[in-house]
C-alpha atoms as a PDB file:
ATOM      1  CA  MET A   1     227.438  83.583 -71.674  1.00  0.00           C
ATOM      2  CA  PRO A   2     227.503  83.204 -67.864  1.00  0.00           C
ATOM      3  CA  ALA A   3     230.988  82.901 -66.165  1.00  0.00           C
ATOM      4  CA  ASN A   4     232.329  79.569 -65.089  1.00  0.00           C
ATOM      5  CA  GLU A   5     229.726  77.648 -66.984  1.00  0.00           C
ATOM      6  CA  THR A   6     230.568  73.778 -66.984  1.00  0.00           C
ATOM      7  CA  SER A   7     230.054  71.596 -70.068  1.00  0.00           C
ATOM      8  CA  LEU A   8     228.818  68.635 -67.924  1.00  0.00           C
ATOM      9  CA  ALA A   9     226.149  68.930 -65.272  1.00  0.00           C
ATOM     10  CA  LEU A  10     227.668  68.552 -61.774  1.00  0.00           C
ATOM     11  CA  TYR A  11     225.106  65.783 -60.807  1.00  0.00           C
ATOM     12  CA  ARG A  12     226.338  63.665 -63.818  1.00  0.00           C
ATOM     13  CA  LYS A  13     229.913  64.583 -63.186  1.00  0.00           C
ATOM     14  CA  TYR A  14     229.867  63.640 -59.578  1.00  0.00           C
ATOM     15  CA  ARG A  15     227.421  60.772 -59.790  1.00  0.00           C
ATOM     16  CA  PRO A  16     228.759  57.739 -57.716  1.00  0.00           C
ATOM     17  CA  LYS A  17     230.387  55.150 -59.644  1.00  0.00           C
ATOM     18  CA  THR A  18     231.311  52.664 -56.812  1.00  0.00           C
ATOM     19  CA  PHE A  19     229.533  51.636 -53.627  1.00  0.00           C
ATOM     20  CA  LYS A  20     232.204  53.491 -51.689  1.00  0.00           C
ATOM     21  CA  GLU A  21     231.189  56.799 -53.316  1.00  0.00           C
ATOM     22  CA  VAL A  22     227.395  56.483 -52.441  1.00  0.00           C
ATOM     23  CA  LEU A  23     226.428  58.894 -49.741  1.00  0.00           C
ATOM     24  CA  GLY A  24     223.871  58.450 -47.051  1.00  0.00           C
ATOM     25  CA  GLN A  25     222.772  54.955 -48.024  1.00  0.00           C
ATOM     26  CA  ASP A  26     225.000  52.815 -45.876  1.00  0.00           C
ATOM     27  CA  HIS A  27     222.117  50.513 -44.865  1.00  0.00           C
ATOM     28  CA  ILE A  28     221.549  49.558 -48.499  1.00  0.00           C
ATOM     29  CA  VAL A  29     225.038  49.516 -49.668  1.00  0.00           C
ATOM     30  CA  LYS A  30     226.153  47.025 -46.964  1.00  0.00           C
ATOM     31  CA  VAL A  31     223.349  44.500 -47.792  1.00  0.00           C
ATOM     32  CA  LEU A  32     224.024  44.815 -51.527  1.00  0.00           C
ATOM     33  CA  GLU A  33     227.771  44.350 -51.279  1.00  0.00           C
ATOM     34  CA  SER A  34     227.243  41.272 -49.122  1.00  0.00           C
ATOM     35  CA  SER A  35     224.892  39.843 -51.575  1.00  0.00           C
ATOM     36  CA  VAL A  36     227.477  40.183 -54.257  1.00  0.00           C
ATOM     37  CA  GLU A  37     230.290  38.801 -52.145  1.00  0.00           C
ATOM     38  CA  THR A  38     228.223  35.773 -51.108  1.00  0.00           C
ATOM     39  CA  ASN A  39     226.700  35.422 -54.641  1.00  0.00           C
ATOM     40  CA  LYS A  40     223.207  35.508 -53.217  1.00  0.00           C
ATOM     41  CA  VAL A  41     221.545  37.902 -55.758  1.00  0.00           C
ATOM     42  CA  SER A  42     217.829  38.242 -56.067  1.00  0.00           C
ATOM     43  CA  HIS A  43     215.887  38.197 -59.252  1.00  0.00           C
ATOM     44  CA  ALA A  44     213.944  41.458 -58.310  1.00  0.00           C
ATOM     45  CA  TYR A  45     214.515  44.543 -56.291  1.00  0.00           C
ATOM     46  CA  LEU A  46     212.307  47.514 -55.638  1.00  0.00           C
ATOM     47  CA  PHE A  47     214.214  50.795 -54.690  1.00  0.00           C
ATOM     48  CA  VAL A  48     211.964  53.333 -52.902  1.00  0.00           C
ATOM     49  CA  GLY A  49     212.807  56.882 -52.171  1.00  0.00           C
ATOM     50  CA  SER A  50     212.363  60.491 -53.006  1.00  0.00           C
ATOM     51  CA  ARG A  51     214.002  62.016 -56.022  1.00  0.00           C
ATOM     52  CA  GLY A  52     217.768  62.493 -56.072  1.00  0.00           C
ATOM     53  CA  THR A  53     218.579  60.072 -53.356  1.00  0.00           C
ATOM     54  CA  GLY A  54     220.644  57.841 -55.610  1.00  0.00           C
ATOM     55  CA  LYS A  55     218.332  54.943 -56.664  1.00  0.00           C
ATOM     56  CA  THR A  56     219.301  54.835 -60.155  1.00  0.00           C
ATOM     57  CA  SER A  57     222.915  55.313 -59.503  1.00  0.00           C
ATOM     58  CA  VAL A  58     222.952  52.446 -56.825  1.00  0.00           C
ATOM     59  CA  ALA A  59     221.108  50.154 -59.551  1.00  0.00           C
ATOM     60  CA  ARG A  60     223.798  50.891 -62.109  1.00  0.00           C
ATOM     61  CA  ILE A  61     226.590  50.289 -59.545  1.00  0.00           C
ATOM     62  CA  PHE A  62     224.860  46.905 -58.340  1.00  0.00           C
ATOM     63  CA  ALA A  63     224.621  45.791 -62.107  1.00  0.00           C
ATOM     64  CA  LYS A  64     228.315  46.729 -62.652  1.00  0.00           C
ATOM     65  CA  SER A  65     229.380  44.845 -59.409  1.00  0.00           C
ATOM     66  CA  ILE A  66     227.720  41.518 -60.577  1.00  0.00           C
ATOM     67  CA  GLY A  67     229.650  41.788 -63.837  1.00  0.00           C
ATOM     68  CA  VAL A  68     226.954  43.061 -66.128  1.00  0.00           C
ATOM     69  CA  SER A  69     228.240  44.728 -69.179  1.00  0.00           C
ATOM     70  CA  ALA A  70     226.875  47.844 -70.884  1.00  0.00           C
ATOM     71  CA  ASN A  71     225.341  45.390 -73.621  1.00  0.00           C
ATOM     72  CA  ASP A  72     223.379  43.683 -71.022  1.00  0.00           C
ATOM     73  CA  LEU A  73     221.961  46.722 -68.990  1.00  0.00           C
ATOM     74  CA  TYR A  74     218.749  48.067 -70.004  1.00  0.00           C
ATOM     75  CA  GLU A  75     217.189  51.282 -68.547  1.00  0.00           C
ATOM     76  CA  ILE A  76     213.540  52.050 -69.029  1.00  0.00           C
ATOM     77  CA  ASP A  77     211.557  55.059 -68.110  1.00  0.00           C
ATOM     78  CA  ALA A  78     208.141  53.805 -67.125  1.00  0.00           C
ATOM     79  CA  ALA A  79     206.712  57.392 -67.516  1.00  0.00           C
ATOM     80  CA  SER A  80     207.028  57.178 -71.387  1.00  0.00           C
ATOM     81  CA  ASN A  81     207.010  53.437 -71.609  1.00  0.00           C
ATOM     82  CA  ARG A  82     204.024  52.516 -69.377  1.00  0.00           C
ATOM     83  CA  GLY A  83     201.696  50.526 -71.712  1.00  0.00           C
ATOM     84  CA  ILE A  84     201.140  46.802 -71.957  1.00  0.00           C
ATOM     85  CA  GLU A  85     202.835  46.553 -75.340  1.00  0.00           C
ATOM     86  CA  ASP A  86     205.928  48.056 -73.966  1.00  0.00           C
ATOM     87  CA  ILE A  87     206.099  45.466 -71.118  1.00  0.00           C
ATOM     88  CA  LYS A  88     205.353  42.724 -73.495  1.00  0.00           C
ATOM     89  CA  GLU A  89     208.294  43.716 -75.580  1.00  0.00           C
ATOM     90  CA  LEU A  90     210.421  43.886 -72.567  1.00  0.00           C
ATOM     91  CA  ARG A  91     209.083  40.304 -71.606  1.00  0.00           C
ATOM     92  CA  ASP A  92     210.007  38.981 -74.958  1.00  0.00           C
ATOM     93  CA  GLY A  93     213.551  40.504 -74.512  1.00  0.00           C
ATOM     94  CA  THR A  94     214.119  38.724 -71.224  1.00  0.00           C
ATOM     95  CA  ARG A  95     213.848  35.285 -73.066  1.00  0.00           C
ATOM     96  CA  VAL A  96     217.136  36.150 -74.961  1.00  0.00           C
ATOM     97  CA  LEU A  97     220.280  35.270 -73.346  1.00  0.00           C
ATOM     98  CA  PRO A  98     222.837  37.891 -72.221  1.00  0.00           C
ATOM     99  CA  PHE A  99     225.220  39.110 -74.795  1.00  0.00           C
ATOM    100  CA  ASP A 100     228.507  38.830 -72.684  1.00  0.00           C
ATOM    101  CA  SER A 101     227.457  38.763 -69.118  1.00  0.00           C
ATOM    102  CA  LYS A 102     226.067  36.232 -66.593  1.00  0.00           C
ATOM    103  CA  TYR A 103     222.951  38.351 -66.099  1.00  0.00           C
ATOM    104  CA  LYS A 104     220.783  40.875 -68.070  1.00  0.00           C
ATOM    105  CA  VAL A 105     219.596  43.762 -65.816  1.00  0.00           C
ATOM    106  CA  TYR A 106     216.470  45.756 -66.420  1.00  0.00           C
ATOM    107  CA  ILE A 107     216.342  49.083 -64.381  1.00  0.00           C
ATOM    108  CA  ILE A 108     212.798  50.408 -64.569  1.00  0.00           C
ATOM    109  CA  ASP A 109     212.630  53.899 -63.342  1.00  0.00           C
ATOM    110  CA  GLU A 110     209.378  55.665 -62.212  1.00  0.00           C
ATOM    111  CA  VAL A 111     207.920  52.278 -62.117  1.00  0.00           C
ATOM    112  CA  HIS A 112     204.593  53.503 -60.423  1.00  0.00           C
ATOM    113  CA  MET A 113     203.659  55.047 -63.690  1.00  0.00           C
ATOM    114  CA  LEU A 114     202.889  51.793 -65.435  1.00  0.00           C
ATOM    115  CA  SER A 115     199.326  51.088 -66.458  1.00  0.00           C
ATOM    116  CA  LYS A 116     196.959  48.354 -64.797  1.00  0.00           C
ATOM    117  CA  ASP A 117     197.604  45.999 -67.843  1.00  0.00           C
ATOM    118  CA  ALA A 118     201.279  46.624 -67.855  1.00  0.00           C
ATOM    119  CA  TRP A 119     201.532  45.669 -64.192  1.00  0.00           C
ATOM    120  CA  GLY A 120     199.681  42.449 -65.050  1.00  0.00           C
ATOM    121  CA  ALA A 121     202.149  41.667 -67.788  1.00  0.00           C
ATOM    122  CA  LEU A 122     205.197  42.585 -65.518  1.00  0.00           C
ATOM    123  CA  LEU A 123     203.842  40.298 -62.682  1.00  0.00           C
ATOM    124  CA  LYS A 124     203.811  37.421 -64.960  1.00  0.00           C
ATOM    125  CA  THR A 125     207.502  37.800 -65.654  1.00  0.00           C
ATOM    126  CA  LEU A 126     208.364  38.388 -61.954  1.00  0.00           C
ATOM    127  CA  GLU A 127     206.470  35.254 -60.911  1.00  0.00           C
ATOM    128  CA  GLU A 128     208.736  33.048 -63.259  1.00  0.00           C
ATOM    129  CA  PRO A 129     211.607  34.981 -64.301  1.00  0.00           C
ATOM    130  CA  PRO A 130     214.415  33.602 -66.371  1.00  0.00           C
ATOM    131  CA  LYS A 131     217.556  32.638 -64.279  1.00  0.00           C
ATOM    132  CA  HIS A 132     219.636  35.161 -66.201  1.00  0.00           C
ATOM    133  CA  VAL A 133     217.529  38.225 -65.717  1.00  0.00           C
ATOM    134  CA  ILE A 134     217.400  40.680 -62.782  1.00  0.00           C
ATOM    135  CA  PHE A 135     214.810  43.490 -62.463  1.00  0.00           C
ATOM    136  CA  ILE A 136     215.510  46.732 -60.438  1.00  0.00           C
ATOM    137  CA  LEU A 137     212.452  48.779 -60.179  1.00  0.00           C
ATOM    138  CA  ALA A 138     212.752  52.319 -58.837  1.00  0.00           C
ATOM    139  CA  THR A 139     209.828  54.530 -57.515  1.00  0.00           C
ATOM    140  CA  THR A 140     209.325  57.771 -55.606  1.00  0.00           C
ATOM    141  CA  GLU A 141     205.669  56.691 -54.893  1.00  0.00           C
ATOM    142  CA  PHE A 142     205.661  53.323 -53.105  1.00  0.00           C
ATOM    143  CA  HIS A 143     202.082  53.329 -52.502  1.00  0.00           C
ATOM    144  CA  LYS A 144     201.069  53.116 -56.049  1.00  0.00           C
ATOM    145  CA  VAL A 145     203.070  49.798 -56.653  1.00  0.00           C
ATOM    146  CA  PRO A 146     200.666  46.867 -56.307  1.00  0.00           C
ATOM    147  CA  GLU A 147     201.154  44.562 -53.354  1.00  0.00           C
ATOM    148  CA  THR A 148     201.574  41.664 -55.624  1.00  0.00           C
ATOM    149  CA  ILE A 149     204.573  43.274 -57.191  1.00  0.00           C
ATOM    150  CA  ILE A 150     206.120  44.265 -53.864  1.00  0.00           C
ATOM    151  CA  SER A 151     205.903  40.781 -52.459  1.00  0.00           C
ATOM    152  CA  ARG A 152     208.071  39.427 -55.251  1.00  0.00           C
ATOM    153  CA  CYS A 153     210.864  42.107 -54.729  1.00  0.00           C
ATOM    154  CA  GLN A 154     213.529  42.758 -52.154  1.00  0.00           C
ATOM    155  CA  VAL A 155     212.644  46.265 -51.080  1.00  0.00           C
ATOM    156  CA  PHE A 156     215.118  48.891 -50.083  1.00  0.00           C
ATOM    157  CA  THR A 157     214.102  52.391 -48.774  1.00  0.00           C
ATOM    158  CA  PHE A 158     216.520  55.162 -49.761  1.00  0.00           C
ATOM    159  CA  ARG A 159     216.843  57.911 -47.082  1.00  0.00           C
ATOM    160  CA  LYS A 160     216.622  61.696 -48.009  1.00  0.00           C
ATOM    161  CA  ALA A 161     220.138  63.356 -47.838  1.00  0.00           C
ATOM    162  CA  THR A 162     220.756  64.917 -44.310  1.00  0.00           C
ATOM    163  CA  ASP A 163     221.834  68.471 -44.279  1.00  0.00           C
ATOM    164  CA  ALA A 164     225.078  67.411 -42.786  1.00  0.00           C
ATOM    165  CA  VAL A 165     225.864  64.855 -45.539  1.00  0.00           C
ATOM    166  CA  CYS A 166     224.652  67.280 -48.126  1.00  0.00           C
ATOM    167  CA  ARG A 167     226.664  70.149 -46.857  1.00  0.00           C
ATOM    168  CA  LYS A 168     229.900  68.041 -46.906  1.00  0.00           C
ATOM    169  CA  MET A 169     229.191  66.917 -50.307  1.00  0.00           C
ATOM    170  CA  LEU A 170     228.598  70.546 -51.515  1.00  0.00           C
ATOM    171  CA  LEU A 171     231.868  71.774 -49.876  1.00  0.00           C
ATOM    172  CA  ASP A 172     233.835  68.918 -51.472  1.00  0.00           C
ATOM    173  CA  VAL A 173     232.432  69.528 -54.932  1.00  0.00           C
ATOM    174  CA  GLY A 174     232.844  73.235 -54.798  1.00  0.00           C
ATOM    175  CA  LYS A 175     236.462  72.743 -53.915  1.00  0.00           C
ATOM    176  CA  LYS A 176     236.929  70.282 -56.648  1.00  0.00           C
ATOM    177  CA  GLU A 177     235.479  72.892 -59.119  1.00  0.00           C
ATOM    178  CA  GLY A 178     237.796  75.603 -57.775  1.00  0.00           C
ATOM    179  CA  PHE A 179     235.397  77.284 -55.489  1.00  0.00           C
ATOM    180  CA  GLU A 180     235.316  78.043 -51.809  1.00  0.00           C
ATOM    181  CA  LEU A 181     231.982  77.996 -50.075  1.00  0.00           C
ATOM    182  CA  ASP A 182     231.632  79.402 -46.511  1.00  0.00           C
ATOM    183  CA  SER A 183     229.576  77.284 -43.844  1.00  0.00           C
ATOM    184  CA  GLY A 184     226.597  79.453 -44.253  1.00  0.00           C
ATOM    185  CA  SER A 185     226.299  79.205 -47.982  1.00  0.00           C
ATOM    186  CA  ALA A 186     226.842  75.364 -47.924  1.00  0.00           C
ATOM    187  CA  GLU A 187     224.027  74.983 -45.215  1.00  0.00           C
ATOM    188  CA  LEU A 188     221.577  77.178 -47.209  1.00  0.00           C
ATOM    189  CA  LEU A 189     222.209  75.064 -50.339  1.00  0.00           C
ATOM    190  CA  ALA A 190     221.653  71.857 -48.334  1.00  0.00           C
ATOM    191  CA  ILE A 191     218.207  73.262 -47.024  1.00  0.00           C
ATOM    192  CA  LEU A 192     217.310  74.312 -50.441  1.00  0.00           C
ATOM    193  CA  ALA A 193     217.959  70.681 -51.700  1.00  0.00           C
ATOM    194  CA  ASP A 194     215.387  69.304 -49.292  1.00  0.00           C
ATOM    195  CA  GLY A 195     217.097  65.909 -49.106  1.00  0.00           C
ATOM    196  CA  SER A 196     218.085  65.501 -52.714  1.00  0.00           C
ATOM    197  CA  PHE A 197     221.686  65.078 -53.756  1.00  0.00           C
ATOM    198  CA  ARG A 198     220.839  65.829 -57.274  1.00  0.00           C
ATOM    199  CA  ASP A 199     218.872  69.103 -56.538  1.00  0.00           C
ATOM    200  CA  ALA A 200     221.823  70.272 -54.150  1.00  0.00           C
ATOM    201  CA  LEU A 201     224.269  69.885 -57.233  1.00  0.00           C
ATOM    202  CA  GLY A 202     221.859  71.558 -59.464  1.00  0.00           C
ATOM    203  CA  GLU A 203     221.490  74.667 -57.164  1.00  0.00           C
ATOM    204  CA  LEU A 204     225.299  74.489 -56.632  1.00  0.00           C
ATOM    205  CA  GLN A 205     225.987  74.610 -60.464  1.00  0.00           C
ATOM    206  CA  LYS A 206     223.549  77.660 -60.893  1.00  0.00           C
ATOM    207  CA  VAL A 207     225.575  79.568 -58.348  1.00  0.00           C
ATOM    208  CA  LEU A 208     228.948  78.612 -59.746  1.00  0.00           C
ATOM    209  CA  ASN A 209     227.788  79.590 -63.260  1.00  0.00           C
ATOM    210  CA  PHE A 210     226.742  82.859 -62.107  1.00  0.00           C
ATOM    211  CA  SER A 211     229.180  83.838 -59.304  1.00  0.00           C
ATOM    212  CA  ASP A 212     231.644  86.600 -60.059  1.00  0.00           C
ATOM    213  CA  SER A 213     233.936  85.323 -57.258  1.00  0.00           C
ATOM    214  CA  LYS A 214     235.655  82.048 -56.266  1.00  0.00           C
ATOM    215  CA  LYS A 215     234.477  82.600 -52.622  1.00  0.00           C
ATOM    216  CA  ILE A 216     230.848  81.808 -52.383  1.00  0.00           C
ATOM    217  CA  LYS A 217     229.056  83.547 -49.437  1.00  0.00           C
ATOM    218  CA  ARG A 218     225.531  83.013 -48.218  1.00  0.00           C
ATOM    219  CA  GLU A 219     224.491  86.367 -49.632  1.00  0.00           C
ATOM    220  CA  ASP A 220     225.517  85.087 -53.149  1.00  0.00           C
ATOM    221  CA  ILE A 221     223.139  81.987 -52.592  1.00  0.00           C
ATOM    222  CA  GLU A 222     220.343  84.279 -51.556  1.00  0.00           C
ATOM    223  CA  LYS A 223     220.868  86.530 -54.595  1.00  0.00           C
ATOM    224  CA  ILE A 224     221.127  83.843 -57.196  1.00  0.00           C
ATOM    225  CA  THR A 225     218.598  81.306 -55.940  1.00  0.00           C
ATOM    226  CA  GLY A 226     216.119  83.759 -54.671  1.00  0.00           C
ATOM    227  CA  ALA A 227     216.164  82.154 -51.153  1.00  0.00           C
ATOM    228  CA  PRO A 228     214.892  84.267 -48.185  1.00  0.00           C
ATOM    229  CA  LYS A 229     217.418  86.706 -46.883  1.00  0.00           C
ATOM    230  CA  THR A 230     219.126  86.101 -43.564  1.00  0.00           C
ATOM    231  CA  SER A 231     217.848  89.505 -42.426  1.00  0.00           C
ATOM    232  CA  LEU A 232     214.120  88.235 -42.761  1.00  0.00           C
ATOM    233  CA  VAL A 233     214.860  85.222 -40.667  1.00  0.00           C
ATOM    234  CA  ASN A 234     216.665  87.081 -38.050  1.00  0.00           C
ATOM    235  CA  ASP A 235     214.168  89.893 -37.863  1.00  0.00           C
ATOM    236  CA  PHE A 236     211.421  87.122 -37.214  1.00  0.00           C
ATOM    237  CA  LEU A 237     213.500  85.660 -34.444  1.00  0.00           C
ATOM    238  CA  SER A 238     214.235  88.995 -32.925  1.00  0.00           C
ATOM    239  CA  ALA A 239     210.360  89.823 -32.885  1.00  0.00           C
ATOM    240  CA  ILE A 240     209.966  86.568 -30.826  1.00  0.00           C
ATOM    241  CA  GLY A 241     213.016  87.437 -28.395  1.00  0.00           C
ATOM    242  CA  ARG A 242     211.317  90.894 -27.759  1.00  0.00           C
ATOM    243  CA  GLY A 243     207.899  89.633 -27.539  1.00  0.00           C
ATOM    244  CA  GLU A 244     206.749  92.085 -30.325  1.00  0.00           C
ATOM    245  CA  LEU A 245     203.753  90.404 -32.122  1.00  0.00           C
ATOM    246  CA  ALA A 246     203.322  93.371 -34.445  1.00  0.00           C
ATOM    247  CA  ASP A 247     206.981  93.430 -35.516  1.00  0.00           C
ATOM    248  CA  GLY A 248     206.792  89.607 -36.231  1.00  0.00           C
ATOM    249  CA  ILE A 249     203.604  89.970 -38.327  1.00  0.00           C
ATOM    250  CA  ALA A 250     205.323  92.880 -40.340  1.00  0.00           C
ATOM    251  CA  VAL A 251     208.259  90.704 -41.007  1.00  0.00           C
ATOM    252  CA  VAL A 252     206.043  87.869 -42.436  1.00  0.00           C
ATOM    253  CA  GLN A 253     204.177  90.277 -44.395  1.00  0.00           C
ATOM    254  CA  LYS A 254     207.402  91.640 -46.055  1.00  0.00           C
ATOM    255  CA  ALA A 255     208.468  88.038 -46.931  1.00  0.00           C
ATOM    256  CA  THR A 256     205.062  87.491 -48.455  1.00  0.00           C
ATOM    257  CA  ALA A 257     205.494  90.879 -50.530  1.00  0.00           C
ATOM    258  CA  GLU A 258     208.707  89.413 -51.762  1.00  0.00           C
ATOM    259  CA  ASN A 259     206.818  86.385 -52.939  1.00  0.00           C
ATOM    260  CA  LEU A 260     209.195  84.188 -51.163  1.00  0.00           C
ATOM    261  CA  ASP A 261     208.618  80.371 -50.816  1.00  0.00           C
ATOM    262  CA  MET A 262     206.947  80.414 -47.339  1.00  0.00           C
ATOM    263  CA  LYS A 263     207.588  76.878 -46.594  1.00  0.00           C
ATOM    264  CA  LEU A 264     211.374  77.355 -47.200  1.00  0.00           C
ATOM    265  CA  TYR A 265     211.273  80.492 -45.119  1.00  0.00           C
ATOM    266  CA  PHE A 266     209.587  78.667 -42.247  1.00  0.00           C
ATOM    267  CA  LYS A 267     212.076  75.933 -42.592  1.00  0.00           C
ATOM    268  CA  LEU A 268     214.990  78.392 -42.289  1.00  0.00           C
ATOM    269  CA  ILE A 269     213.453  79.901 -39.280  1.00  0.00           C
ATOM    270  CA  ILE A 270     213.105  76.561 -37.490  1.00  0.00           C
ATOM    271  CA  THR A 271     216.709  75.501 -38.386  1.00  0.00           C
ATOM    272  CA  LYS A 272     218.157  78.659 -36.983  1.00  0.00           C
ATOM    273  CA  PHE A 273     215.835  78.395 -33.949  1.00  0.00           C
ATOM    274  CA  ARG A 274     217.091  75.005 -33.220  1.00  0.00           C
ATOM    275  CA  VAL A 275     220.737  76.256 -33.222  1.00  0.00           C
ATOM    276  CA  ALA A 276     219.595  78.951 -30.629  1.00  0.00           C
ATOM    277  CA  ILE A 277     218.027  76.392 -28.332  1.00  0.00           C
ATOM    278  CA  ILE A 278     221.214  74.342 -28.377  1.00  0.00           C
ATOM    279  CA  LEU A 279     223.290  77.509 -27.619  1.00  0.00           C
ATOM    280  CA  ARG A 280     221.090  78.057 -24.652  1.00  0.00           C
ATOM    281  CA  TYR A 281     220.856  74.706 -23.050  1.00  0.00           C
ATOM    282  CA  ALA A 282     224.095  73.138 -24.333  1.00  0.00           C
ATOM    283  CA  PRO A 283     226.614  76.011 -24.976  1.00  0.00           C
ATOM    284  CA  LYS A 284     229.574  73.621 -24.853  1.00  0.00           C
ATOM    285  CA  LEU A 285     228.291  72.390 -28.375  1.00  0.00           C
ATOM    286  CA  LYS A 286     228.950  75.855 -29.867  1.00  0.00           C
ATOM    287  CA  GLU A 287     232.042  74.687 -31.688  1.00  0.00           C
ATOM    288  CA  ASP A 288     230.024  71.657 -33.211  1.00  0.00           C
ATOM    289  CA  MET A 289     227.351  74.076 -34.558  1.00  0.00           C
ATOM    290  CA  ALA A 290     229.962  76.489 -36.042  1.00  0.00           C
ATOM    291  CA  GLY A 291     229.965  74.429 -39.174  1.00  0.00           C
ATOM    292  CA  ASP A 292     226.199  74.880 -39.631  1.00  0.00           C
ATOM    293  CA  LEU A 293     226.103  78.658 -39.719  1.00  0.00           C
ATOM    294  CA  GLY A 294     228.230  81.666 -40.409  1.00  0.00           C
ATOM    295  CA  GLU A 295     230.281  83.606 -37.876  1.00  0.00           C
ATOM    296  CA  ALA A 296     227.741  86.555 -37.930  1.00  0.00           C
ATOM    297  CA  ASP A 297     224.853  84.339 -37.495  1.00  0.00           C
ATOM    298  CA  MET A 298     226.243  82.539 -34.660  1.00  0.00           C
ATOM    299  CA  GLU A 299     227.149  85.986 -32.837  1.00  0.00           C
ATOM    300  CA  PHE A 300     223.458  87.072 -33.656  1.00  0.00           C
ATOM    301  CA  LEU A 301     222.053  83.966 -31.999  1.00  0.00           C
ATOM    302  CA  GLN A 302     224.295  84.071 -29.131  1.00  0.00           C
ATOM    303  CA  THR A 303     223.310  87.717 -28.344  1.00  0.00           C
ATOM    304  CA  LEU A 304     219.632  86.886 -28.941  1.00  0.00           C
ATOM    305  CA  VAL A 305     219.759  84.001 -26.465  1.00  0.00           C
ATOM    306  CA  LYS A 306     221.736  86.071 -23.820  1.00  0.00           C
ATOM    307  CA  GLU A 307     219.179  88.988 -24.039  1.00  0.00           C
ATOM    308  CA  ASP A 308     216.089  86.675 -23.826  1.00  0.00           C
ATOM    309  CA  LYS A 309     214.796  87.551 -20.373  1.00  0.00           C
ATOM    310  CA  SER A 310     211.244  86.169 -21.023  1.00  0.00           C
ATOM    311  CA  GLY A 311     212.604  82.641 -21.884  1.00  0.00           C
ATOM    312  CA  MET A 312     211.194  82.611 -25.467  1.00  0.00           C
ATOM    313  CA  PHE A 313     213.913  80.465 -26.798  1.00  0.00           C
ATOM    314  CA  ARG A 314     212.821  77.028 -25.252  1.00  0.00           C
ATOM    315  CA  SER A 315     211.637  73.816 -26.446  1.00  0.00           C
ATOM    316  CA  GLU A 316     208.031  74.695 -26.100  1.00  0.00           C
ATOM    317  CA  THR A 317     208.462  77.562 -28.696  1.00  0.00           C
ATOM    318  CA  LEU A 318     210.125  75.271 -31.220  1.00  0.00           C
ATOM    319  CA  SER A 319     207.364  72.720 -30.754  1.00  0.00           C
ATOM    320  CA  ILE A 320     204.918  75.236 -31.697  1.00  0.00           C
ATOM    321  CA  LEU A 321     206.771  76.152 -34.824  1.00  0.00           C
ATOM    322  CA  LEU A 322     207.129  72.586 -35.869  1.00  0.00           C
ATOM    323  CA  GLU A 323     203.369  71.943 -35.290  1.00  0.00           C
ATOM    324  CA  GLU A 324     202.472  74.920 -37.479  1.00  0.00           C
ATOM    325  CA  TYR A 325     205.133  73.996 -40.109  1.00  0.00           C
ATOM    326  CA  GLN A 326     203.164  70.648 -40.692  1.00  0.00           C
ATOM    327  CA  ASN A 327     200.131  72.686 -41.618  1.00  0.00           C
ATOM    328  CA  ILE A 328     201.663  74.789 -44.230  1.00  0.00           C
ATOM    329  CA  ASP A 329     200.858  72.419 -47.182  1.00  0.00           C
ATOM    330  CA  ASN A 330     197.154  72.560 -46.398  1.00  0.00           C
ATOM    331  CA  SER A 331     196.974  76.237 -45.690  1.00  0.00           C
ATOM    332  CA  PHE A 332     195.120  78.239 -48.508  1.00  0.00           C
ATOM    333  CA  ILE A 333     196.959  81.451 -47.115  1.00  0.00           C
ATOM    334  CA  ALA A 334     200.530  80.461 -47.180  1.00  0.00           C
ATOM    335  CA  GLU A 335     201.744  82.869 -44.431  1.00  0.00           C
ATOM    336  CA  LEU A 336     198.875  81.880 -41.948  1.00  0.00           C
ATOM    337  CA  PRO A 337     200.653  78.927 -40.170  1.00  0.00           C
ATOM    338  CA  LEU A 338     203.677  81.345 -39.365  1.00  0.00           C
ATOM    339  CA  GLU A 339     201.421  84.023 -38.220  1.00  0.00           C
ATOM    340  CA  LEU A 340     199.442  81.571 -36.112  1.00  0.00           C
ATOM    341  CA  ALA A 341     202.644  80.161 -34.592  1.00  0.00           C
ATOM    342  CA  LEU A 342     203.646  83.676 -33.612  1.00  0.00           C
ATOM    343  CA  VAL A 343     200.338  84.332 -31.838  1.00  0.00           C
ATOM    344  CA  LYS A 344     200.523  81.077 -30.105  1.00  0.00           C
ATOM    345  CA  ILE A 345     204.140  81.626 -28.829  1.00  0.00           C
ATOM    346  CA  LEU A 346     203.546  85.300 -27.740  1.00  0.00           C
ATOM    347  CA  SER A 347     200.392  84.622 -26.073  1.00  0.00           C
ATOM    348  CA  LYS A 348     202.292  82.387 -23.547  1.00  0.00           C
ATOM    349  CA  ILE A 349     204.368  85.312 -22.234  1.00  0.00           C
END
C-alpha cells in the first residue's frame, strides 16, 4: 500500500464550504453575497467555466447561504439524466413545496448534455418557475446551451485558476497535510493543473501518496507525474542562448522519444523563458520571481541572460514561442511547432 495514503480525496477534503474559502472567483462571490444580503435572488443561474474551477462548490455554498437545507437541495448530473422523461420528472418535483426551507434548489451539472427535447421541457419551467424554486445550471461548454435558456438565467463565468493562486493553495494544503513543498514543485504542480483547482489537488495527492519524504522537491513531481524534466527545458533554452539549431532540435527529439506531453513541455519552456525576460529587463523584480522557481533554476536563468551576447532572450523570441504554442493542438506532428519556433528564432540572428 502506498505511503501516506489519505482516506479522503484532497479535493473533497479541502472543497470550499463558505464564500470566504472560494479561491480566484471574487467577481462572482461579491455579486452572490450581495444578492443574499439584499434578498434579491434570481430564479435561474448559469455557471460557466472549465472543469475544477468551483462551479458546483459555489452553487452549494450559495444554496446554503439562502437557508436551503440538505432536504431541499437536489443535484442532478445531466450527463446521465439527459432525457425528456428525466426533466419531466424534475418539473413535477418543482411543484411540490420545500420540506423545511424557503426555497428548493436544483443544481444541474454538465447541463449542455441535455437532449433537444429535454431542453424544451426545461425551458417551460424556466419561463414560469414556481416562486419557491431556484435553478443553478453548470456547464463547461457554454456554446452548447440554447440562447433561449441563457436569456432566462443570470450568467456567471468562472475563471481558470491562475498559477499564482493555485501555487499558494498547494503550498497551504501540503503544509496542512504535514508536507513541505519547495517553490519549484508547487509551480510545476500548478502548471500541470492547467487552471483546475481539482486537478491541482489530484496531482498533489498522487505525489503525497507516493513520496518517501516529507519535503517535496520538483524532481519528485517529475518522477511521480511523468512531467518533463527540468534538464530538458533548460537544454532547450541553452540551445537558443547559444544559437545552436542542431542542439535545440536534438533536445526536442529527446523529449519526443521519452513520449512527453509536448504541449506541457512547450508550456514549461514558455513559462521559464518569461522569467528570463523579466530578469533581463526588470532585474529588480528578481525577489518577486523567486517564488516561481527553485534557487538552482533562478541561477541558471541569470547566467543564461548574462551570457546572452546575441540578444536571444527578448520579447520577439517570446512572441514566436507563443505564436507556435497556439498551433500545437492542430499539428499532426506534435513536436513540429516547437521545432518551427526554434528555426524562426535562430534564423533572426
